[in-house]
Amino acid sequence: MEACNQFKVFAGSKGEALAKGICEELGCQLGKIHLDRFSDGEFCSYFEESVRGQSVYLVQPTCPSSDNLMELLLMIDAAKRASAYKVIAVIPYFGWARQDRKDKPRVSIGAKLVANMLQAAGADRIITVDLHAEQIQGFFDIPVDHIYGSNVLAPYIASLNLKKLIVASPDVGGSKRASNFAKKLHAMTDHEVPMVICYKNRPDFNKVSEIRVLGDVYGKDVVLFDDIADTAGTLCKAAEVMQAGGAKSVRAVVTHGVLSGNACEKIENSVLEELVCTDSLPIDPKCCSKLHIVSLAHSIAYTIRAIQCHTSVSETNMR
């Protein structure tokens, strides 16, 4: 079908590795884009090939620093000014998503601001993976395709053939996410996969003072499931609590390995068997011997193909 061929994929500086995998899945070449930097830190991007009349897919996580978001905004603007038919921002990791509500006086709602900026720049559609809060999709007035990282993470855990598997949510807020992951594992393994929840007291950002486990983990192979590993403090503390509760093994599974500060060192020195995450963010696999990375390339390529050919993005891919 001709409609399936009128697209090009480009990558920002932080999305190149994933974009190459996506292009391999789609059987196309990664488009050429150039980034120029001035001595004061200002930069600009421009396409080195025509995008006129094309659906343009721009792969770039909006991870810190804010330069990555600005780079994506400039690419969107450049594509619109170059007469692209549609501009689709592929954002494997949607930064500022943890600022999704006004939970205290005089605070910004960063996720809504970023949504406004992407639309103002000219994005026609968003493809993203495991938003910190699913209601962020409602911040957009354009279509949002929300892919679930569990589609690539669950098969890896199922392949380990853990006999006494149990899923744990590191906090109450992530219980729905962990429950869906447990259901997916149950469907893959034909074994009941129970779930426990950690109660977490967080006095400030990136600080955890206390964790308690609600449920029995004695003799179990525990999988801590969450969307983001930032400082990894919660995961490492939760793993210690699980081990103290008699867990046979503890591993962490997250979609987005932000791994800021000394997170890799924490994980290396923790009781965790391994940390499994996707390539939504560029991570050096050598930063930690316990790190295992699985790719989102197939899931994102599947979504792009569905959009281009005007077919349904199946529940299998989305949940």
C-alpha atoms as a PDB file:
ATOM      1  CA  MET A   1       0.000   0.000   0.000  1.00  0.00           C
ATOM      2  CA  GLU A   2       1.330   3.395  -1.041  1.00  0.00           C
ATOM      3  CA  ALA A   3       0.022   5.030   2.143  1.00  0.00           C
ATOM      4  CA  CYS A   4       2.251   2.720   4.165  1.00  0.00           C
ATOM      5  CA  ASN A   5       5.399   4.059   2.492  1.00  0.00           C
ATOM      6  CA  GLN A   6       5.011   7.824   2.798  1.00  0.00           C
ATOM      7  CA  PHE A   7       6.928   8.276   6.044  1.00  0.00           C
ATOM      8  CA  LYS A   8      10.405   8.930   7.365  1.00  0.00           C
ATOM      9  CA  VAL A   9      11.965   8.321  10.768  1.00  0.00           C
ATOM     10  CA  PHE A  10      14.447  10.727  12.340  1.00  0.00           C
ATOM     11  CA  ALA A  11      16.149  10.733  15.737  1.00  0.00           C
ATOM     12  CA  GLY A  12      17.259  13.344  18.199  1.00  0.00           C
ATOM     13  CA  SER A  13      20.624  13.040  19.908  1.00  0.00           C
ATOM     14  CA  LYS A  14      19.205  10.854  22.732  1.00  0.00           C
ATOM     15  CA  GLY A  15      16.956   8.718  20.552  1.00  0.00           C
ATOM     16  CA  GLU A  16      19.360   7.517  17.876  1.00  0.00           C
ATOM     17  CA  ALA A  17      20.056   4.013  19.217  1.00  0.00           C
ATOM     18  CA  LEU A  18      16.358   3.178  19.641  1.00  0.00           C
ATOM     19  CA  ALA A  19      15.470   4.800  16.307  1.00  0.00           C
ATOM     20  CA  LYS A  20      17.957   2.562  14.492  1.00  0.00           C
ATOM     21  CA  GLY A  21      16.249  -0.488  16.004  1.00  0.00           C
ATOM     22  CA  ILE A  22      12.842   0.858  14.969  1.00  0.00           C
ATOM     23  CA  CYS A  23      14.068   1.382  11.400  1.00  0.00           C
ATOM     24  CA  GLU A  24      15.418  -2.177  11.281  1.00  0.00           C
ATOM     25  CA  GLU A  25      11.985  -3.445  12.284  1.00  0.00           C
ATOM     26  CA  LEU A  26      10.306  -1.248   9.652  1.00  0.00           C
ATOM     27  CA  GLY A  27      12.848  -2.041   6.937  1.00  0.00           C
ATOM     28  CA  CYS A  28      13.677   1.605   6.262  1.00  0.00           C
ATOM     29  CA  GLN A  29      16.675   3.899   6.570  1.00  0.00           C
ATOM     30  CA  LEU A  30      17.066   6.340   9.459  1.00  0.00           C
ATOM     31  CA  GLY A  31      16.660   9.873   8.120  1.00  0.00           C
ATOM     32  CA  LYS A  32      19.494  12.380   8.265  1.00  0.00           C
ATOM     33  CA  ILE A  33      19.199  15.329  10.601  1.00  0.00           C
ATOM     34  CA  HIS A  34      21.934  17.660  11.796  1.00  0.00           C
ATOM     35  CA  LEU A  35      22.356  19.513  15.085  1.00  0.00           C
ATOM     36  CA  ASP A  36      24.469  22.666  15.216  1.00  0.00           C
ATOM     37  CA  ARG A  37      25.638  24.173  18.497  1.00  0.00           C
ATOM     38  CA  PHE A  38      26.816  27.690  19.208  1.00  0.00           C
ATOM     39  CA  SER A  39      29.522  28.415  21.750  1.00  0.00           C
ATOM     40  CA  ASP A  40      26.984  29.807  24.244  1.00  0.00           C
ATOM     41  CA  GLY A  41      25.040  26.517  24.286  1.00  0.00           C
ATOM     42  CA  GLU A  42      22.275  27.521  21.865  1.00  0.00           C
ATOM     43  CA  PHE A  43      21.577  24.940  19.171  1.00  0.00           C
ATOM     44  CA  CYS A  44      19.481  24.434  16.060  1.00  0.00           C
ATOM     45  CA  SER A  45      18.472  21.372  14.054  1.00  0.00           C
ATOM     46  CA  TYR A  46      17.773  20.941  10.357  1.00  0.00           C
ATOM     47  CA  PHE A  47      16.833  18.072   8.076  1.00  0.00           C
ATOM     48  CA  GLU A  48      19.393  17.048   5.481  1.00  0.00           C
ATOM     49  CA  GLU A  49      16.721  15.564   3.202  1.00  0.00           C
ATOM     50  CA  SER A  50      13.265  16.529   2.000  1.00  0.00           C
ATOM     51  CA  VAL A  51      10.258  15.739   4.183  1.00  0.00           C
ATOM     52  CA  ARG A  52       7.649  17.451   1.992  1.00  0.00           C
ATOM     53  CA  GLY A  53       4.384  15.505   2.037  1.00  0.00           C
ATOM     54  CA  GLN A  54       5.795  12.859   4.397  1.00  0.00           C
ATOM     55  CA  SER A  55       4.607  11.650   7.776  1.00  0.00           C
ATOM     56  CA  VAL A  56       7.663  12.418   9.906  1.00  0.00           C
ATOM     57  CA  TYR A  57       8.393  10.388  13.036  1.00  0.00           C
ATOM     58  CA  LEU A  58      10.795  12.064  15.460  1.00  0.00           C
ATOM     59  CA  VAL A  59      12.287   9.751  18.098  1.00  0.00           C
ATOM     60  CA  GLN A  60      13.535  11.585  21.174  1.00  0.00           C
ATOM     61  CA  PRO A  61      13.027  11.009  24.918  1.00  0.00           C
ATOM     62  CA  THR A  62      12.484  14.256  26.823  1.00  0.00           C
ATOM     63  CA  CYS A  63      14.802  13.190  29.609  1.00  0.00           C
ATOM     64  CA  PRO A  64      16.870  15.680  31.596  1.00  0.00           C
ATOM     65  CA  SER A  65      18.375  17.972  30.741  1.00  0.00           C
ATOM     66  CA  SER A  66      15.761  20.254  29.216  1.00  0.00           C
ATOM     67  CA  ASP A  67      17.985  20.484  26.120  1.00  0.00           C
ATOM     68  CA  ASN A  68      16.430  17.207  24.952  1.00  0.00           C
ATOM     69  CA  LEU A  69      12.914  18.624  25.093  1.00  0.00           C
ATOM     70  CA  MET A  70      14.046  21.792  23.319  1.00  0.00           C
ATOM     71  CA  GLU A  71      15.751  19.696  20.647  1.00  0.00           C
ATOM     72  CA  LEU A  72      12.509  17.817  20.002  1.00  0.00           C
ATOM     73  CA  LEU A  73      10.523  21.062  19.815  1.00  0.00           C
ATOM     74  CA  LEU A  74      12.961  22.489  17.263  1.00  0.00           C
ATOM     75  CA  MET A  75      12.765  19.299  15.167  1.00  0.00           C
ATOM     76  CA  ILE A  76       8.957  19.451  15.189  1.00  0.00           C
ATOM     77  CA  ASP A  77       9.023  23.104  14.142  1.00  0.00           C
ATOM     78  CA  ALA A  78      11.576  22.420  11.397  1.00  0.00           C
ATOM     79  CA  ALA A  79       9.472  19.558  10.001  1.00  0.00           C
ATOM     80  CA  LYS A  80       6.314  21.685   9.915  1.00  0.00           C
ATOM     81  CA  ARG A  81       8.163  24.511   8.143  1.00  0.00           C
ATOM     82  CA  ALA A  82       9.557  21.986   5.637  1.00  0.00           C
ATOM     83  CA  SER A  83       5.971  21.061   4.634  1.00  0.00           C
ATOM     84  CA  ALA A  84       5.780  17.655   6.319  1.00  0.00           C
ATOM     85  CA  TYR A  85       2.314  16.122   5.990  1.00  0.00           C
ATOM     86  CA  LYS A  86       2.171  14.987   9.613  1.00  0.00           C
ATOM     87  CA  VAL A  87       4.646  15.281  12.474  1.00  0.00           C
ATOM     88  CA  ILE A  88       4.530  12.481  15.050  1.00  0.00           C
ATOM     89  CA  ALA A  89       6.656  12.838  18.177  1.00  0.00           C
ATOM     90  CA  VAL A  90       7.864   9.452  19.397  1.00  0.00           C
ATOM     91  CA  ILE A  91       8.703  10.072  23.053  1.00  0.00           C
ATOM     92  CA  PRO A  92       9.820   6.784  24.674  1.00  0.00           C
ATOM     93  CA  TYR A  93      10.300   8.561  28.005  1.00  0.00           C
ATOM     94  CA  PHE A  94       7.984  11.508  28.674  1.00  0.00           C
ATOM     95  CA  GLY A  95       9.875  13.756  31.079  1.00  0.00           C
ATOM     96  CA  TRP A  96       8.125  15.974  33.652  1.00  0.00           C
ATOM     97  CA  ALA A  97       5.372  13.333  33.871  1.00  0.00           C
ATOM     98  CA  ARG A  98       5.743  13.143  37.644  1.00  0.00           C
ATOM     99  CA  GLN A  99       4.439  16.725  37.775  1.00  0.00           C
ATOM    100  CA  ASP A 100       0.939  15.711  36.687  1.00  0.00           C
ATOM    101  CA  ARG A 101      -1.218  17.412  39.335  1.00  0.00           C
ATOM    102  CA  LYS A 102      -1.323  20.326  41.750  1.00  0.00           C
ATOM    103  CA  ASP A 103      -0.651  18.494  45.019  1.00  0.00           C
ATOM    104  CA  LYS A 104       0.476  21.563  46.957  1.00  0.00           C
ATOM    105  CA  PRO A 105      -0.070  25.335  46.731  1.00  0.00           C
ATOM    106  CA  ARG A 106       1.823  27.425  44.161  1.00  0.00           C
ATOM    107  CA  VAL A 107       3.246  24.513  42.163  1.00  0.00           C
ATOM    108  CA  SER A 108       3.390  24.090  38.389  1.00  0.00           C
ATOM    109  CA  ILE A 109       1.854  21.180  36.479  1.00  0.00           C
ATOM    110  CA  GLY A 110       4.894  20.381  34.360  1.00  0.00           C
ATOM    111  CA  ALA A 111       3.325  17.563  32.347  1.00  0.00           C
ATOM    112  CA  LYS A 112       0.547  19.841  31.108  1.00  0.00           C
ATOM    113  CA  LEU A 113       3.044  22.562  30.223  1.00  0.00           C
ATOM    114  CA  VAL A 114       5.123  20.113  28.170  1.00  0.00           C
ATOM    115  CA  ALA A 115       1.961  18.887  26.403  1.00  0.00           C
ATOM    116  CA  ASN A 116       1.093  22.468  25.486  1.00  0.00           C
ATOM    117  CA  MET A 117       4.608  23.113  24.182  1.00  0.00           C
ATOM    118  CA  LEU A 118       4.594  20.015  21.957  1.00  0.00           C
ATOM    119  CA  GLN A 119       1.249  21.004  20.447  1.00  0.00           C
ATOM    120  CA  ALA A 120       2.298  24.639  20.018  1.00  0.00           C
ATOM    121  CA  ALA A 121       5.439  23.472  18.163  1.00  0.00           C
ATOM    122  CA  GLY A 122       3.198  21.619  15.688  1.00  0.00           C
ATOM    123  CA  ALA A 123       3.070  17.952  16.739  1.00  0.00           C
ATOM    124  CA  ASP A 124       0.093  16.164  15.160  1.00  0.00           C
ATOM    125  CA  ARG A 125       0.346  12.974  17.211  1.00  0.00           C
ATOM    126  CA  ILE A 126       2.259  11.519  20.156  1.00  0.00           C
ATOM    127  CA  ILE A 127       3.601   7.994  20.636  1.00  0.00           C
ATOM    128  CA  THR A 128       4.862   7.387  24.153  1.00  0.00           C
ATOM    129  CA  VAL A 129       5.600   4.551  26.576  1.00  0.00           C
ATOM    130  CA  ASP A 130       4.344   4.028  30.134  1.00  0.00           C
ATOM    131  CA  LEU A 131       3.341   7.508  31.207  1.00  0.00           C
ATOM    132  CA  HIS A 132       3.797   7.990  34.938  1.00  0.00           C
ATOM    133  CA  ALA A 133       0.061   8.700  35.096  1.00  0.00           C
ATOM    134  CA  GLU A 134      -2.242   7.573  32.292  1.00  0.00           C
ATOM    135  CA  GLN A 135      -4.470  10.631  32.659  1.00  0.00           C
ATOM    136  CA  ILE A 136      -1.660  12.722  31.139  1.00  0.00           C
ATOM    137  CA  GLN A 137      -3.094  11.615  27.782  1.00  0.00           C
ATOM    138  CA  GLY A 138      -5.966  13.977  28.570  1.00  0.00           C
ATOM    139  CA  PHE A 139      -3.547  16.932  28.619  1.00  0.00           C
ATOM    140  CA  PHE A 140      -3.304  16.622  24.823  1.00  0.00           C
ATOM    141  CA  ASP A 141      -5.831  17.694  22.215  1.00  0.00           C
ATOM    142  CA  ILE A 142      -4.130  15.462  19.631  1.00  0.00           C
ATOM    143  CA  PRO A 143      -4.076  11.635  19.420  1.00  0.00           C
ATOM    144  CA  VAL A 144      -1.809   9.850  21.901  1.00  0.00           C
ATOM    145  CA  ASP A 145      -0.736   6.231  21.387  1.00  0.00           C
ATOM    146  CA  HIS A 146       0.247   4.914  24.805  1.00  0.00           C
ATOM    147  CA  ILE A 147       2.399   1.766  24.631  1.00  0.00           C
ATOM    148  CA  TYR A 148       2.968  -0.437  27.669  1.00  0.00           C
ATOM    149  CA  GLY A 149       6.511  -1.530  28.519  1.00  0.00           C
ATOM    150  CA  SER A 150       5.169  -4.757  30.028  1.00  0.00           C
ATOM    151  CA  ASN A 151       4.797  -6.099  26.476  1.00  0.00           C
ATOM    152  CA  VAL A 152       8.570  -6.514  26.244  1.00  0.00           C
ATOM    153  CA  LEU A 153       9.380  -6.869  29.952  1.00  0.00           C
ATOM    154  CA  ALA A 154       6.929  -9.662  30.810  1.00  0.00           C
ATOM    155  CA  PRO A 155       8.255 -12.144  28.201  1.00  0.00           C
ATOM    156  CA  TYR A 156      11.750 -11.817  29.670  1.00  0.00           C
ATOM    157  CA  ILE A 157      10.545 -12.515  33.216  1.00  0.00           C
ATOM    158  CA  ALA A 158       8.414 -15.425  31.964  1.00  0.00           C
ATOM    159  CA  SER A 159      11.490 -16.888  30.247  1.00  0.00           C
ATOM    160  CA  LEU A 160      13.274 -17.171  33.622  1.00  0.00           C
ATOM    161  CA  ASN A 161      10.824 -19.891  34.717  1.00  0.00           C
ATOM    162  CA  LEU A 162      10.715 -18.678  38.313  1.00  0.00           C
ATOM    163  CA  LYS A 163       8.767 -21.320  40.249  1.00  0.00           C
ATOM    164  CA  LYS A 164       7.396 -19.169  43.053  1.00  0.00           C
ATOM    165  CA  LEU A 165       6.914 -15.899  41.225  1.00  0.00           C
ATOM    166  CA  ILE A 166       5.258 -12.962  42.952  1.00  0.00           C
ATOM    167  CA  VAL A 167       4.935  -9.339  41.778  1.00  0.00           C
ATOM    168  CA  ALA A 168       5.463  -6.430  44.166  1.00  0.00           C
ATOM    169  CA  SER A 169       4.514  -2.797  43.761  1.00  0.00           C
ATOM    170  CA  PRO A 170       7.109  -0.528  45.423  1.00  0.00           C
ATOM    171  CA  ASP A 171       4.350   1.882  46.470  1.00  0.00           C
ATOM    172  CA  VAL A 172       0.570   2.078  46.732  1.00  0.00           C
ATOM    173  CA  GLY A 173       0.287   4.397  43.740  1.00  0.00           C
ATOM    174  CA  GLY A 174       1.793   1.788  41.415  1.00  0.00           C
ATOM    175  CA  SER A 175      -0.485  -1.063  42.505  1.00  0.00           C
ATOM    176  CA  LYS A 176      -2.643  -0.945  39.352  1.00  0.00           C
ATOM    177  CA  ARG A 177       0.448  -1.052  37.150  1.00  0.00           C
ATOM    178  CA  ALA A 178       1.863  -4.006  39.092  1.00  0.00           C
ATOM    179  CA  SER A 179      -1.499  -5.791  39.041  1.00  0.00           C
ATOM    180  CA  ASN A 180      -1.655  -5.576  35.235  1.00  0.00           C
ATOM    181  CA  PHE A 181       1.902  -6.922  35.047  1.00  0.00           C
ATOM    182  CA  ALA A 182       0.971  -9.855  37.312  1.00  0.00           C
ATOM    183  CA  LYS A 183      -2.029 -10.637  35.083  1.00  0.00           C
ATOM    184  CA  LYS A 184       0.169 -10.605  31.979  1.00  0.00           C
ATOM    185  CA  LEU A 185       2.654 -12.975  33.637  1.00  0.00           C
ATOM    186  CA  HIS A 186      -0.214 -15.243  34.698  1.00  0.00           C
ATOM    187  CA  ALA A 187      -1.395 -15.427  31.073  1.00  0.00           C
ATOM    188  CA  MET A 188       2.122 -16.251  29.879  1.00  0.00           C
ATOM    189  CA  THR A 189       3.071 -18.817  32.512  1.00  0.00           C
ATOM    190  CA  ASP A 190      -0.313 -20.452  33.244  1.00  0.00           C
ATOM    191  CA  HIS A 191       0.541 -20.077  36.937  1.00  0.00           C
ATOM    192  CA  GLU A 192      -1.211 -17.845  39.428  1.00  0.00           C
ATOM    193  CA  VAL A 193       0.992 -14.788  40.082  1.00  0.00           C
ATOM    194  CA  PRO A 194       0.034 -13.104  43.382  1.00  0.00           C
ATOM    195  CA  MET A 195       0.918  -9.528  44.275  1.00  0.00           C
ATOM    196  CA  VAL A 196       2.101  -7.655  47.355  1.00  0.00           C
ATOM    197  CA  ILE A 197       2.328  -3.908  47.953  1.00  0.00           C
ATOM    198  CA  CYS A 198       4.954  -1.809  49.687  1.00  0.00           C
ATOM    199  CA  TYR A 199       3.885   1.085  51.881  1.00  0.00           C
ATOM    200  CA  LYS A 200       6.362   3.909  51.400  1.00  0.00           C
ATOM    201  CA  ASN A 201       6.829   7.052  53.483  1.00  0.00           C
ATOM    202  CA  ARG A 202       8.505   9.743  51.347  1.00  0.00           C
ATOM    203  CA  PRO A 203       9.295  12.973  53.255  1.00  0.00           C
ATOM    204  CA  ASP A 204      10.720  14.735  50.174  1.00  0.00           C
ATOM    205  CA  PHE A 205      11.571  14.189  46.496  1.00  0.00           C
ATOM    206  CA  ASN A 206      13.905  11.212  45.906  1.00  0.00           C
ATOM    207  CA  LYS A 207      13.951  10.400  49.646  1.00  0.00           C
ATOM    208  CA  VAL A 208      12.383   7.389  51.341  1.00  0.00           C
ATOM    209  CA  SER A 209      12.368   7.066  55.126  1.00  0.00           C
ATOM    210  CA  GLU A 210      10.398   3.839  55.611  1.00  0.00           C
ATOM    211  CA  ILE A 211       9.105   0.880  53.590  1.00  0.00           C
ATOM    212  CA  ARG A 212       6.776  -1.859  54.823  1.00  0.00           C
ATOM    213  CA  VAL A 213       5.523  -4.881  52.875  1.00  0.00           C
ATOM    214  CA  LEU A 214       1.810  -5.621  52.843  1.00  0.00           C
ATOM    215  CA  GLY A 215       1.760  -9.340  52.073  1.00  0.00           C
ATOM    216  CA  ASP A 216       3.835 -12.505  52.442  1.00  0.00           C
ATOM    217  CA  VAL A 217       7.034 -12.914  50.406  1.00  0.00           C
ATOM    218  CA  TYR A 218       8.621 -15.800  52.320  1.00  0.00           C
ATOM    219  CA  GLY A 219      10.258 -18.297  49.945  1.00  0.00           C
ATOM    220  CA  LYS A 220       9.071 -16.356  46.878  1.00  0.00           C
ATOM    221  CA  ASP A 221      10.875 -15.042  43.782  1.00  0.00           C
ATOM    222  CA  VAL A 222       9.902 -11.383  43.980  1.00  0.00           C
ATOM    223  CA  VAL A 223       9.682  -9.061  40.973  1.00  0.00           C
ATOM    224  CA  LEU A 224       9.464  -5.394  41.945  1.00  0.00           C
ATOM    225  CA  PHE A 225       7.624  -3.676  39.078  1.00  0.00           C
ATOM    226  CA  ASP A 226       7.571   0.088  38.525  1.00  0.00           C
ATOM    227  CA  ASP A 227       7.614   2.598  35.686  1.00  0.00           C
ATOM    228  CA  ILE A 228      10.720   4.604  36.657  1.00  0.00           C
ATOM    229  CA  ALA A 229      14.015   3.911  38.412  1.00  0.00           C
ATOM    230  CA  ASP A 230      15.505   7.337  39.121  1.00  0.00           C
ATOM    231  CA  THR A 231      17.836   7.304  42.124  1.00  0.00           C
ATOM    232  CA  ALA A 232      16.898   3.624  42.685  1.00  0.00           C
ATOM    233  CA  GLY A 233      16.612   4.291  46.425  1.00  0.00           C
ATOM    234  CA  THR A 234      13.075   2.901  46.691  1.00  0.00           C
ATOM    235  CA  LEU A 235      13.884  -0.263  44.743  1.00  0.00           C
ATOM    236  CA  CYS A 236      17.031  -1.019  46.737  1.00  0.00           C
ATOM    237  CA  LYS A 237      15.339  -0.422  50.103  1.00  0.00           C
ATOM    238  CA  ALA A 238      12.319  -2.466  49.079  1.00  0.00           C
ATOM    239  CA  ALA A 239      14.604  -5.313  48.011  1.00  0.00           C
ATOM    240  CA  GLU A 240      16.238  -5.296  51.461  1.00  0.00           C
ATOM    241  CA  VAL A 241      12.827  -5.448  53.140  1.00  0.00           C
ATOM    242  CA  MET A 242      11.786  -8.314  50.859  1.00  0.00           C
ATOM    243  CA  GLN A 243      14.963 -10.242  51.623  1.00  0.00           C
ATOM    244  CA  ALA A 244      14.470  -9.643  55.351  1.00  0.00           C
ATOM    245  CA  GLY A 245      10.968 -11.061  54.917  1.00  0.00           C
ATOM    246  CA  GLY A 246      12.409 -14.326  53.613  1.00  0.00           C
ATOM    247  CA  ALA A 247      12.214 -13.787  49.853  1.00  0.00           C
ATOM    248  CA  LYS A 248      14.162 -16.373  47.846  1.00  0.00           C
ATOM    249  CA  SER A 249      15.226 -13.794  45.235  1.00  0.00           C
ATOM    250  CA  VAL A 250      14.417 -10.179  44.396  1.00  0.00           C
ATOM    251  CA  ARG A 251      14.752  -8.473  41.019  1.00  0.00           C
ATOM    252  CA  ALA A 252      13.478  -5.098  39.821  1.00  0.00           C
ATOM    253  CA  VAL A 253      11.715  -4.501  36.516  1.00  0.00           C
ATOM    254  CA  VAL A 254      11.125  -0.944  35.298  1.00  0.00           C
ATOM    255  CA  THR A 255      10.269   0.656  31.979  1.00  0.00           C
ATOM    256  CA  HIS A 256      12.415   3.771  32.279  1.00  0.00           C
ATOM    257  CA  GLY A 257      15.933   3.497  33.661  1.00  0.00           C
ATOM    258  CA  VAL A 258      16.650   7.141  34.463  1.00  0.00           C
ATOM    259  CA  LEU A 259      19.392   6.070  36.901  1.00  0.00           C
ATOM    260  CA  SER A 260      20.481   9.510  38.055  1.00  0.00           C
ATOM    261  CA  GLY A 261      23.261  10.286  40.500  1.00  0.00           C
ATOM    262  CA  ASN A 262      24.843   7.167  42.007  1.00  0.00           C
ATOM    263  CA  ALA A 263      21.889   4.904  41.145  1.00  0.00           C
ATOM    264  CA  CYS A 264      24.062   2.376  39.294  1.00  0.00           C
ATOM    265  CA  GLU A 265      26.358   2.063  42.306  1.00  0.00           C
ATOM    266  CA  LYS A 266      23.362   1.556  44.614  1.00  0.00           C
ATOM    267  CA  ILE A 267      22.007  -1.222  42.419  1.00  0.00           C
ATOM    268  CA  GLU A 268      25.417  -2.874  42.130  1.00  0.00           C
ATOM    269  CA  ASN A 269      25.754  -2.971  45.929  1.00  0.00           C
ATOM    270  CA  SER A 270      22.133  -3.938  46.612  1.00  0.00           C
ATOM    271  CA  VAL A 271      20.567  -7.347  47.216  1.00  0.00           C
ATOM    272  CA  LEU A 272      18.799  -7.146  43.846  1.00  0.00           C
ATOM    273  CA  GLU A 273      19.526 -10.070  41.523  1.00  0.00           C
ATOM    274  CA  GLU A 274      19.171  -7.760  38.510  1.00  0.00           C
ATOM    275  CA  LEU A 275      17.531  -4.603  37.196  1.00  0.00           C
ATOM    276  CA  VAL A 276      15.572  -5.142  33.980  1.00  0.00           C
ATOM    277  CA  CYS A 277      14.600  -2.058  31.972  1.00  0.00           C
ATOM    278  CA  THR A 278      13.815  -0.973  28.423  1.00  0.00           C
ATOM    279  CA  ASP A 279      15.855   1.220  26.076  1.00  0.00           C
ATOM    280  CA  SER A 280      13.413   4.139  26.368  1.00  0.00           C
ATOM    281  CA  LEU A 281      16.453   6.090  27.547  1.00  0.00           C
ATOM    282  CA  PRO A 282      20.039   5.648  26.366  1.00  0.00           C
ATOM    283  CA  ILE A 283      21.808   3.629  29.080  1.00  0.00           C
ATOM    284  CA  ASP A 284      25.372   2.409  29.128  1.00  0.00           C
ATOM    285  CA  PRO A 285      25.014  -1.336  29.897  1.00  0.00           C
ATOM    286  CA  LYS A 286      28.482  -1.250  31.467  1.00  0.00           C
ATOM    287  CA  CYS A 287      27.321   1.099  34.223  1.00  0.00           C
ATOM    288  CA  CYS A 288      26.113  -1.880  36.256  1.00  0.00           C
ATOM    289  CA  SER A 289      26.733  -5.617  35.965  1.00  0.00           C
ATOM    290  CA  LYS A 290      23.166  -6.312  37.174  1.00  0.00           C
ATOM    291  CA  LEU A 291      21.572  -4.339  34.341  1.00  0.00           C
ATOM    292  CA  HIS A 292      19.572  -6.144  31.641  1.00  0.00           C
ATOM    293  CA  ILE A 293      18.061  -4.071  28.803  1.00  0.00           C
ATOM    294  CA  VAL A 294      15.216  -5.143  26.503  1.00  0.00           C
ATOM    295  CA  SER A 295      14.247  -3.147  23.417  1.00  0.00           C
ATOM    296  CA  LEU A 296      11.042  -1.288  22.637  1.00  0.00           C
ATOM    297  CA  ALA A 297      11.884  -1.155  18.919  1.00  0.00           C
ATOM    298  CA  HIS A 298       9.375  -3.834  17.871  1.00  0.00           C
ATOM    299  CA  SER A 299       6.448  -2.347  19.830  1.00  0.00           C
ATOM    300  CA  ILE A 300       7.073   1.179  18.535  1.00  0.00           C
ATOM    301  CA  ALA A 301       7.606  -0.042  14.953  1.00  0.00           C
ATOM    302  CA  TYR A 302       4.327  -1.980  15.191  1.00  0.00           C
ATOM    303  CA  THR A 303       2.538   1.194  16.264  1.00  0.00           C
ATOM    304  CA  ILE A 304       4.079   3.246  13.445  1.00  0.00           C
ATOM    305  CA  ARG A 305       3.069   0.618  10.905  1.00  0.00           C
ATOM    306  CA  ALA A 306      -0.509   0.613  12.241  1.00  0.00           C
ATOM    307  CA  ILE A 307      -0.722   4.402  12.046  1.00  0.00           C
ATOM    308  CA  GLN A 308       0.635   4.476   8.501  1.00  0.00           C
ATOM    309  CA  CYS A 309      -1.629   1.717   7.233  1.00  0.00           C
ATOM    310  CA  HIS A 310      -4.684   2.983   9.154  1.00  0.00           C
ATOM    311  CA  THR A 311      -5.120  -0.260  11.054  1.00  0.00           C
ATOM    312  CA  SER A 312      -5.937  -0.824  14.700  1.00  0.00           C
ATOM    313  CA  VAL A 313      -3.174  -0.823  17.252  1.00  0.00           C
ATOM    314  CA  SER A 314      -4.126  -4.087  18.947  1.00  0.00           C
ATOM    315  CA  GLU A 315      -4.728  -4.585  22.639  1.00  0.00           C
ATOM    316  CA  THR A 316      -1.776  -6.966  22.636  1.00  0.00           C
ATOM    317  CA  ASN A 317       0.562  -4.129  21.779  1.00  0.00           C
ATOM    318  CA  MET A 318      -1.078  -1.499  23.929  1.00  0.00           C
ATOM    319  CA  ARG A 319      -1.545  -3.385  27.202  1.00  0.00           C
END
